[in-house]
């Protein structure tokens, strides 16, 4: 996994999404990021996307969404 910072955004490259989740948490923590990634089932149209699960901060927007 690689994390590249660009100002206040990051690019994360994950080569093995099924690697030890504790390792992901450790790398994100060392980079100063409060991120808890996990593998979730998605439709084929959302594969290889970053998805969020739950409340998006906007009324009526819950569930799974992609960036």
C-alpha atoms as a PDB file:
ATOM      1  CA  UNK A   1       0.000   0.000   0.000  1.00  0.00           C
ATOM      2  CA  UNK A   2       1.268   3.462  -0.882  1.00  0.00           C
ATOM      3  CA  UNK A   3      -0.038   6.833   0.291  1.00  0.00           C
ATOM      4  CA  UNK A   4       0.895   9.994  -1.598  1.00  0.00           C
ATOM      5  CA  UNK A   5      -0.139  13.357  -0.161  1.00  0.00           C
ATOM      6  CA  UNK A   6      -1.098  16.274  -2.387  1.00  0.00           C
ATOM      7  CA  UNK A   7      -1.916  19.247  -0.164  1.00  0.00           C
ATOM      8  CA  UNK A   8      -4.968  18.238   1.837  1.00  0.00           C
ATOM      9  CA  UNK A   9      -5.833  15.220  -0.360  1.00  0.00           C
ATOM     10  CA  UNK A  10      -4.269  11.768  -0.622  1.00  0.00           C
ATOM     11  CA  UNK A  11      -3.893   9.113  -3.276  1.00  0.00           C
ATOM     12  CA  UNK A  12      -3.873   5.577  -1.883  1.00  0.00           C
ATOM     13  CA  UNK A  13      -2.753   2.594  -3.940  1.00  0.00           C
ATOM     14  CA  UNK A  14      -3.775  -0.795  -2.580  1.00  0.00           C
ATOM     15  CA  UNK A  15      -2.318  -3.848  -4.264  1.00  0.00           C
ATOM     16  CA  UNK A  16      -4.084  -6.475  -2.132  1.00  0.00           C
ATOM     17  CA  UNK A  17      -7.502  -5.424  -0.808  1.00  0.00           C
ATOM     18  CA  UNK A  18      -7.678  -8.685   1.161  1.00  0.00           C
ATOM     19  CA  UNK A  19      -4.439  -8.119   3.085  1.00  0.00           C
ATOM     20  CA  UNK A  20      -4.450  -7.934   6.887  1.00  0.00           C
ATOM     21  CA  UNK A  21      -6.879  -5.137   7.907  1.00  0.00           C
ATOM     22  CA  UNK A  22      -4.696  -4.351  10.908  1.00  0.00           C
ATOM     23  CA  UNK A  23      -1.838  -3.528   8.557  1.00  0.00           C
ATOM     24  CA  UNK A  24      -4.035  -1.072   6.638  1.00  0.00           C
ATOM     25  CA  UNK A  25      -5.080   0.621   9.876  1.00  0.00           C
ATOM     26  CA  UNK A  26      -1.421   0.881  10.958  1.00  0.00           C
ATOM     27  CA  UNK A  27      -0.312   2.490   7.676  1.00  0.00           C
ATOM     28  CA  UNK A  28      -3.219   4.968   7.680  1.00  0.00           C
ATOM     29  CA  UNK A  29      -2.552   5.839  11.340  1.00  0.00           C
ATOM     30  CA  UNK A  30       1.156   6.484  10.665  1.00  0.00           C
ATOM     31  CA  UNK A  31       0.105   8.795   7.822  1.00  0.00           C
ATOM     32  CA  UNK A  32      -2.105  10.738  10.271  1.00  0.00           C
ATOM     33  CA  UNK A  33      -5.354   9.540   8.692  1.00  0.00           C
ATOM     34  CA  UNK A  34      -8.382   8.356  10.681  1.00  0.00           C
ATOM     35  CA  UNK A  35      -9.470   5.721   8.146  1.00  0.00           C
ATOM     36  CA  UNK A  36     -10.853   2.260   8.797  1.00  0.00           C
ATOM     37  CA  UNK A  37     -11.005   0.515   5.415  1.00  0.00           C
ATOM     38  CA  UNK A  38     -12.816  -2.738   4.881  1.00  0.00           C
ATOM     39  CA  UNK A  39     -13.926  -4.827   1.954  1.00  0.00           C
ATOM     40  CA  UNK A  40     -17.663  -4.608   1.261  1.00  0.00           C
ATOM     41  CA  UNK A  41     -19.725  -6.316  -1.431  1.00  0.00           C
ATOM     42  CA  UNK A  42     -20.747  -3.952  -4.250  1.00  0.00           C
ATOM     43  CA  UNK A  43     -22.346  -4.214  -7.658  1.00  0.00           C
ATOM     44  CA  UNK A  44     -20.015  -4.570 -10.666  1.00  0.00           C
ATOM     45  CA  UNK A  45     -20.488  -0.878 -11.493  1.00  0.00           C
ATOM     46  CA  UNK A  46     -18.841   0.126  -8.175  1.00  0.00           C
ATOM     47  CA  UNK A  47     -15.862  -2.235  -8.337  1.00  0.00           C
ATOM     48  CA  UNK A  48     -12.498  -0.459  -7.977  1.00  0.00           C
ATOM     49  CA  UNK A  49     -14.240   2.579  -6.478  1.00  0.00           C
ATOM     50  CA  UNK A  50     -14.004   4.187  -3.084  1.00  0.00           C
ATOM     51  CA  UNK A  51     -17.358   3.702  -1.423  1.00  0.00           C
ATOM     52  CA  UNK A  52     -18.759   5.161   1.747  1.00  0.00           C
ATOM     53  CA  UNK A  53     -21.273   3.390   3.882  1.00  0.00           C
ATOM     54  CA  UNK A  54     -23.807   5.073   6.133  1.00  0.00           C
ATOM     55  CA  UNK A  55     -24.763   8.686   6.678  1.00  0.00           C
ATOM     56  CA  UNK A  56     -23.283  11.189   4.227  1.00  0.00           C
ATOM     57  CA  UNK A  57     -24.025  14.309   6.282  1.00  0.00           C
ATOM     58  CA  UNK A  58     -26.928  15.341   4.082  1.00  0.00           C
ATOM     59  CA  UNK A  59     -30.569  14.680   5.040  1.00  0.00           C
ATOM     60  CA  UNK A  60     -31.977  11.652   3.280  1.00  0.00           C
ATOM     61  CA  UNK A  61     -28.587  10.397   2.009  1.00  0.00           C
ATOM     62  CA  UNK A  62     -27.736   7.048   3.556  1.00  0.00           C
ATOM     63  CA  UNK A  63     -26.578   3.694   2.227  1.00  0.00           C
ATOM     64  CA  UNK A  64     -23.615   3.047  -0.050  1.00  0.00           C
ATOM     65  CA  UNK A  65     -22.274   5.691  -2.437  1.00  0.00           C
ATOM     66  CA  UNK A  66     -19.163   6.033  -4.568  1.00  0.00           C
ATOM     67  CA  UNK A  67     -16.711   8.787  -5.357  1.00  0.00           C
END
